Amino acid sequence: MGQRVIKINGMHCNHCKMTIEKNVGEIKGINSIEVSLKNHTAIIDFEDNVSFDKIKKAIEDSGYTVTN
């Protein structure tokens, strides 16, 4: 298992937070995701078989920008 803190630009409200949590949470192998609007981050706990590129794509497909 791994955990990663991802910086995200473009989030402004709880709808943004819920959209990212839903879309990333649907990826098989994601154990948990906690999005912070205040810090513009998501803390994601995931299985080893989940690639960062897959997580990044889910966030960017939701309309947000990953900055790390």
PDB file of N, CA and C in Angstrom:
ATOM      1  N   MET A   1       0.839  -1.181   0.000  1.00  0.00           N
ATOM      2  CA  MET A   1       0.000   0.000   0.000  1.00  0.00           C
ATOM      3  C   MET A   1       0.878   1.235   0.000  1.00  0.00           C
ATOM      4  N   GLY A   2       0.310   2.311  -0.521  1.00  0.00           N
ATOM      5  CA  GLY A   2       1.020   3.570  -0.527  1.00  0.00           C
ATOM      6  C   GLY A   2       0.103   4.699  -0.124  1.00  0.00           C
ATOM      7  N   GLN A   3       0.708   5.784   0.204  1.00  0.00           N
ATOM      8  CA  GLN A   3      -0.057   6.991   0.515  1.00  0.00           C
ATOM      9  C   GLN A   3       0.647   8.160  -0.140  1.00  0.00           C
ATOM     10  N   ARG A   4      -0.143   9.073  -0.662  1.00  0.00           N
ATOM     11  CA  ARG A   4       0.441  10.218  -1.348  1.00  0.00           C
ATOM     12  C   ARG A   4      -0.394  11.457  -1.080  1.00  0.00           C
ATOM     13  N   VAL A   5       0.296  12.585  -0.910  1.00  0.00           N
ATOM     14  CA  VAL A   5      -0.368  13.879  -0.795  1.00  0.00           C
ATOM     15  C   VAL A   5      -0.230  14.550  -2.155  1.00  0.00           C
ATOM     16  N   ILE A   6      -1.359  14.920  -2.723  1.00  0.00           N
ATOM     17  CA  ILE A   6      -1.380  15.526  -4.050  1.00  0.00           C
ATOM     18  C   ILE A   6      -1.895  16.952  -3.939  1.00  0.00           C
ATOM     19  N   LYS A   7      -1.167  17.892  -4.527  1.00  0.00           N
ATOM     20  CA  LYS A   7      -1.617  19.287  -4.579  1.00  0.00           C
ATOM     21  C   LYS A   7      -2.534  19.446  -5.782  1.00  0.00           C
ATOM     22  N   ILE A   8      -3.666  20.139  -5.553  1.00  0.00           N
ATOM     23  CA  ILE A   8      -4.679  20.290  -6.594  1.00  0.00           C
ATOM     24  C   ILE A   8      -5.090  21.758  -6.695  1.00  0.00           C
ATOM     25  N   ASN A   9      -5.066  22.290  -7.906  1.00  0.00           N
ATOM     26  CA  ASN A   9      -5.555  23.649  -8.157  1.00  0.00           C
ATOM     27  C   ASN A   9      -6.946  23.591  -8.779  1.00  0.00           C
ATOM     28  N   GLY A  10      -7.750  24.611  -8.472  1.00  0.00           N
ATOM     29  CA  GLY A  10      -9.061  24.746  -9.080  1.00  0.00           C
ATOM     30  C   GLY A  10     -10.224  24.387  -8.179  1.00  0.00           C
ATOM     31  N   MET A  11      -9.944  23.927  -6.966  1.00  0.00           N
ATOM     32  CA  MET A  11     -11.028  23.585  -6.035  1.00  0.00           C
ATOM     33  C   MET A  11     -11.465  24.843  -5.285  1.00  0.00           C
ATOM     34  N   HIS A  12     -12.806  25.019  -5.197  1.00  0.00           N
ATOM     35  CA  HIS A  12     -13.307  26.224  -4.533  1.00  0.00           C
ATOM     36  C   HIS A  12     -14.397  25.955  -3.498  1.00  0.00           C
ATOM     37  N   CYS A  13     -15.044  24.790  -3.579  1.00  0.00           N
ATOM     38  CA  CYS A  13     -16.209  24.569  -2.716  1.00  0.00           C
ATOM     39  C   CYS A  13     -16.357  23.077  -2.404  1.00  0.00           C
ATOM     40  N   ASN A  14     -17.361  22.762  -1.600  1.00  0.00           N
ATOM     41  CA  ASN A  14     -17.602  21.368  -1.228  1.00  0.00           C
ATOM     42  C   ASN A  14     -17.977  20.512  -2.432  1.00  0.00           C
ATOM     43  N   HIS A  15     -18.605  21.113  -3.434  1.00  0.00           N
ATOM     44  CA  HIS A  15     -18.931  20.357  -4.645  1.00  0.00           C
ATOM     45  C   HIS A  15     -17.640  19.884  -5.319  1.00  0.00           C
ATOM     46  N   CYS A  16     -16.639  20.755  -5.378  1.00  0.00           N
ATOM     47  CA  CYS A  16     -15.330  20.377  -5.935  1.00  0.00           C
ATOM     48  C   CYS A  16     -14.739  19.211  -5.150  1.00  0.00           C
ATOM     49  N   LYS A  17     -14.771  19.334  -3.841  1.00  0.00           N
ATOM     50  CA  LYS A  17     -14.231  18.315  -2.944  1.00  0.00           C
ATOM     51  C   LYS A  17     -14.929  16.975  -3.176  1.00  0.00           C
ATOM     52  N   MET A  18     -16.253  16.993  -3.217  1.00  0.00           N
ATOM     53  CA  MET A  18     -17.017  15.762  -3.383  1.00  0.00           C
ATOM     54  C   MET A  18     -16.795  15.146  -4.763  1.00  0.00           C
ATOM     55  N   THR A  19     -16.635  15.982  -5.788  1.00  0.00           N
ATOM     56  CA  THR A  19     -16.397  15.475  -7.145  1.00  0.00           C
ATOM     57  C   THR A  19     -15.090  14.702  -7.207  1.00  0.00           C
ATOM     58  N   ILE A  20     -14.034  15.277  -6.637  1.00  0.00           N
ATOM     59  CA  ILE A  20     -12.735  14.602  -6.650  1.00  0.00           C
ATOM     60  C   ILE A  20     -12.784  13.323  -5.820  1.00  0.00           C
ATOM     61  N   GLU A  21     -13.376  13.403  -4.645  1.00  0.00           N
ATOM     62  CA  GLU A  21     -13.464  12.209  -3.789  1.00  0.00           C
ATOM     63  C   GLU A  21     -14.240  11.091  -4.486  1.00  0.00           C
ATOM     64  N   LYS A  22     -15.310  11.433  -5.171  1.00  0.00           N
ATOM     65  CA  LYS A  22     -16.115  10.432  -5.868  1.00  0.00           C
ATOM     66  C   LYS A  22     -15.337   9.820  -7.025  1.00  0.00           C
ATOM     67  N   ASN A  23     -14.762  10.658  -7.883  1.00  0.00           N
ATOM     68  CA  ASN A  23     -14.106  10.153  -9.087  1.00  0.00           C
ATOM     69  C   ASN A  23     -12.835   9.358  -8.784  1.00  0.00           C
ATOM     70  N   VAL A  24     -12.042   9.823  -7.839  1.00  0.00           N
ATOM     71  CA  VAL A  24     -10.840   9.074  -7.465  1.00  0.00           C
ATOM     72  C   VAL A  24     -11.235   7.829  -6.670  1.00  0.00           C
ATOM     73  N   GLY A  25     -12.234   7.954  -5.823  1.00  0.00           N
ATOM     74  CA  GLY A  25     -12.691   6.829  -5.011  1.00  0.00           C
ATOM     75  C   GLY A  25     -13.234   5.666  -5.823  1.00  0.00           C
ATOM     76  N   GLU A  26     -13.641   5.919  -7.062  1.00  0.00           N
ATOM     77  CA  GLU A  26     -14.165   4.861  -7.929  1.00  0.00           C
ATOM     78  C   GLU A  26     -13.061   3.999  -8.542  1.00  0.00           C
ATOM     79  N   ILE A  27     -11.804   4.440  -8.431  1.00  0.00           N
ATOM     80  CA  ILE A  27     -10.692   3.663  -8.976  1.00  0.00           C
ATOM     81  C   ILE A  27     -10.486   2.434  -8.104  1.00  0.00           C
ATOM     82  N   LYS A  28     -10.443   1.280  -8.751  1.00  0.00           N
ATOM     83  CA  LYS A  28     -10.210   0.030  -8.012  1.00  0.00           C
ATOM     84  C   LYS A  28      -8.823   0.080  -7.365  1.00  0.00           C
ATOM     85  N   GLY A  29      -8.766  -0.149  -6.072  1.00  0.00           N
ATOM     86  CA  GLY A  29      -7.500  -0.124  -5.342  1.00  0.00           C
ATOM     87  C   GLY A  29      -7.306   1.116  -4.493  1.00  0.00           C
ATOM     88  N   ILE A  30      -8.239   2.074  -4.587  1.00  0.00           N
ATOM     89  CA  ILE A  30      -8.181   3.253  -3.713  1.00  0.00           C
ATOM     90  C   ILE A  30      -8.829   2.870  -2.391  1.00  0.00           C
ATOM     91  N   ASN A  31      -8.077   2.992  -1.304  1.00  0.00           N
ATOM     92  CA  ASN A  31      -8.609   2.645   0.018  1.00  0.00           C
ATOM     93  C   ASN A  31      -9.302   3.825   0.676  1.00  0.00           C
ATOM     94  N   SER A  32      -8.740   5.012   0.497  1.00  0.00           N
ATOM     95  CA  SER A  32      -9.365   6.210   1.059  1.00  0.00           C
ATOM     96  C   SER A  32      -8.812   7.446   0.368  1.00  0.00           C
ATOM     97  N   ILE A  33      -9.616   8.508   0.402  1.00  0.00           N
ATOM     98  CA  ILE A  33      -9.186   9.803  -0.108  1.00  0.00           C
ATOM     99  C   ILE A  33      -9.792  10.869   0.787  1.00  0.00           C
ATOM    100  N   GLU A  34      -8.951  11.817   1.179  1.00  0.00           N
ATOM    101  CA  GLU A  34      -9.406  12.933   2.004  1.00  0.00           C
ATOM    102  C   GLU A  34      -8.930  14.223   1.341  1.00  0.00           C
ATOM    103  N   VAL A  35      -9.901  15.020   0.862  1.00  0.00           N
ATOM    104  CA  VAL A  35      -9.596  16.263   0.172  1.00  0.00           C
ATOM    105  C   VAL A  35      -9.717  17.425   1.146  1.00  0.00           C
ATOM    106  N   SER A  36      -8.724  18.314   1.134  1.00  0.00           N
ATOM    107  CA  SER A  36      -8.738  19.512   1.963  1.00  0.00           C
ATOM    108  C   SER A  36      -8.836  20.747   1.065  1.00  0.00           C
ATOM    109  N   LEU A  37      -9.959  21.444   1.162  1.00  0.00           N
ATOM    110  CA  LEU A  37     -10.105  22.695   0.405  1.00  0.00           C
ATOM    111  C   LEU A  37      -9.139  23.751   0.922  1.00  0.00           C
ATOM    112  N   LYS A  38      -8.946  23.781   2.229  1.00  0.00           N
ATOM    113  CA  LYS A  38      -8.066  24.773   2.850  1.00  0.00           C
ATOM    114  C   LYS A  38      -6.632  24.642   2.351  1.00  0.00           C
ATOM    115  N   ASN A  39      -6.142  23.405   2.265  1.00  0.00           N
ATOM    116  CA  ASN A  39      -4.753  23.163   1.875  1.00  0.00           C
ATOM    117  C   ASN A  39      -4.580  22.883   0.382  1.00  0.00           C
ATOM    118  N   HIS A  40      -5.700  22.771  -0.332  1.00  0.00           N
ATOM    119  CA  HIS A  40      -5.676  22.439  -1.765  1.00  0.00           C
ATOM    120  C   HIS A  40      -4.923  21.134  -2.007  1.00  0.00           C
ATOM    121  N   THR A  41      -5.239  20.133  -1.182  1.00  0.00           N
ATOM    122  CA  THR A  41      -4.572  18.833  -1.286  1.00  0.00           C
ATOM    123  C   THR A  41      -5.577  17.691  -1.197  1.00  0.00           C
ATOM    124  N   ALA A  42      -5.110  16.531  -1.622  1.00  0.00           N
ATOM    125  CA  ALA A  42      -5.830  15.284  -1.388  1.00  0.00           C
ATOM    126  C   ALA A  42      -4.820  14.296  -0.823  1.00  0.00           C
ATOM    127  N   ILE A  43      -5.194  13.637   0.257  1.00  0.00           N
ATOM    128  CA  ILE A  43      -4.373  12.563   0.820  1.00  0.00           C
ATOM    129  C   ILE A  43      -5.038  11.266   0.384  1.00  0.00           C
ATOM    130  N   ILE A  44      -4.286  10.492  -0.380  1.00  0.00           N
ATOM    131  CA  ILE A  44      -4.852   9.286  -0.972  1.00  0.00           C
ATOM    132  C   ILE A  44      -4.073   8.064  -0.497  1.00  0.00           C
ATOM    133  N   ASP A  45      -4.802   7.076   0.007  1.00  0.00           N
ATOM    134  CA  ASP A  45      -4.246   5.800   0.432  1.00  0.00           C
ATOM    135  C   ASP A  45      -4.672   4.766  -0.608  1.00  0.00           C
ATOM    136  N   PHE A  46      -3.705   4.073  -1.199  1.00  0.00           N
ATOM    137  CA  PHE A  46      -4.025   3.193  -2.323  1.00  0.00           C
ATOM    138  C   PHE A  46      -3.163   1.937  -2.322  1.00  0.00           C
ATOM    139  N   GLU A  47      -3.643   0.940  -3.047  1.00  0.00           N
ATOM    140  CA  GLU A  47      -2.920  -0.319  -3.201  1.00  0.00           C
ATOM    141  C   GLU A  47      -1.762  -0.121  -4.176  1.00  0.00           C
ATOM    142  N   ASP A  48      -0.785  -1.022  -4.122  1.00  0.00           N
ATOM    143  CA  ASP A  48       0.405  -0.925  -4.969  1.00  0.00           C
ATOM    144  C   ASP A  48       0.098  -0.989  -6.462  1.00  0.00           C
ATOM    145  N   ASN A  49      -1.010  -1.609  -6.837  1.00  0.00           N
ATOM    146  CA  ASN A  49      -1.323  -1.764  -8.254  1.00  0.00           C
ATOM    147  C   ASN A  49      -1.935  -0.509  -8.886  1.00  0.00           C
ATOM    148  N   VAL A  50      -2.150   0.538  -8.107  1.00  0.00           N
ATOM    149  CA  VAL A  50      -2.731   1.779  -8.625  1.00  0.00           C
ATOM    150  C   VAL A  50      -1.598   2.743  -8.975  1.00  0.00           C
ATOM    151  N   SER A  51      -1.574   3.195 -10.213  1.00  0.00           N
ATOM    152  CA  SER A  51      -0.516   4.113 -10.629  1.00  0.00           C
ATOM    153  C   SER A  51      -0.915   5.564 -10.336  1.00  0.00           C
ATOM    154  N   PHE A  52       0.094   6.383 -10.086  1.00  0.00           N
ATOM    155  CA  PHE A  52      -0.163   7.807  -9.863  1.00  0.00           C
ATOM    156  C   PHE A  52      -0.804   8.422 -11.096  1.00  0.00           C
ATOM    157  N   ASP A  53      -0.405   7.978 -12.281  1.00  0.00           N
ATOM    158  CA  ASP A  53      -0.976   8.521 -13.519  1.00  0.00           C
ATOM    159  C   ASP A  53      -2.485   8.303 -13.589  1.00  0.00           C
ATOM    160  N   LYS A  54      -2.948   7.169 -13.091  1.00  0.00           N
ATOM    161  CA  LYS A  54      -4.389   6.879 -13.090  1.00  0.00           C
ATOM    162  C   LYS A  54      -5.123   7.832 -12.136  1.00  0.00           C
ATOM    163  N   ILE A  55      -4.530   8.078 -10.973  1.00  0.00           N
ATOM    164  CA  ILE A  55      -5.123   9.003 -10.004  1.00  0.00           C
ATOM    165  C   ILE A  55      -5.131  10.414 -10.586  1.00  0.00           C
ATOM    166  N   LYS A  56      -4.006  10.818 -11.153  1.00  0.00           N
ATOM    167  CA  LYS A  56      -3.885  12.153 -11.754  1.00  0.00           C
ATOM    168  C   LYS A  56      -4.917  12.346 -12.864  1.00  0.00           C
ATOM    169  N   LYS A  57      -5.090  11.340 -13.707  1.00  0.00           N
ATOM    170  CA  LYS A  57      -6.044  11.429 -14.804  1.00  0.00           C
ATOM    171  C   LYS A  57      -7.468  11.602 -14.269  1.00  0.00           C
ATOM    172  N   ALA A  58      -7.821  10.885 -13.225  1.00  0.00           N
ATOM    173  CA  ALA A  58      -9.167  11.001 -12.645  1.00  0.00           C
ATOM    174  C   ALA A  58      -9.411  12.412 -12.120  1.00  0.00           C
ATOM    175  N   ILE A  59      -8.394  13.017 -11.517  1.00  0.00           N
ATOM    176  CA  ILE A  59      -8.526  14.386 -11.004  1.00  0.00           C
ATOM    177  C   ILE A  59      -8.628  15.372 -12.165  1.00  0.00           C
ATOM    178  N   GLU A  60      -7.759  15.224 -13.149  1.00  0.00           N
ATOM    179  CA  GLU A  60      -7.768  16.148 -14.289  1.00  0.00           C
ATOM    180  C   GLU A  60      -9.017  15.980 -15.145  1.00  0.00           C
ATOM    181  N   ASP A  61      -9.524  14.769 -15.271  1.00  0.00           N
ATOM    182  CA  ASP A  61     -10.775  14.543 -16.007  1.00  0.00           C
ATOM    183  C   ASP A  61     -11.965  15.165 -15.281  1.00  0.00           C
ATOM    184  N   SER A  62     -11.802  15.431 -13.987  1.00  0.00           N
ATOM    185  CA  SER A  62     -12.855  16.085 -13.200  1.00  0.00           C
ATOM    186  C   SER A  62     -12.810  17.602 -13.360  1.00  0.00           C
ATOM    187  N   GLY A  63     -11.753  18.114 -14.016  1.00  0.00           N
ATOM    188  CA  GLY A  63     -11.664  19.547 -14.277  1.00  0.00           C
ATOM    189  C   GLY A  63     -10.683  20.299 -13.401  1.00  0.00           C
ATOM    190  N   TYR A  64      -9.797  19.584 -12.709  1.00  0.00           N
ATOM    191  CA  TYR A  64      -8.855  20.207 -11.794  1.00  0.00           C
ATOM    192  C   TYR A  64      -7.427  19.934 -12.257  1.00  0.00           C
ATOM    193  N   THR A  65      -6.470  20.649 -11.682  1.00  0.00           N
ATOM    194  CA  THR A  65      -5.077  20.523 -12.087  1.00  0.00           C
ATOM    195  C   THR A  65      -4.248  19.965 -10.941  1.00  0.00           C
ATOM    196  N   VAL A  66      -3.487  18.918 -11.226  1.00  0.00           N
ATOM    197  CA  VAL A  66      -2.554  18.347 -10.261  1.00  0.00           C
ATOM    198  C   VAL A  66      -1.241  19.093 -10.430  1.00  0.00           C
ATOM    199  N   THR A  67      -0.695  19.620  -9.323  1.00  0.00           N
ATOM    200  CA  THR A  67       0.511  20.449  -9.418  1.00  0.00           C
ATOM    201  C   THR A  67       1.760  19.756  -8.897  1.00  0.00           C
ATOM    202  N   ASN A  68       1.693  18.487  -8.565  1.00  0.00           N
ATOM    203  CA  ASN A  68       2.906  17.758  -8.159  1.00  0.00           C
ATOM    204  C   ASN A  68       2.875  16.343  -8.669  1.00  0.00           C
TER     205      ASN A  68
END
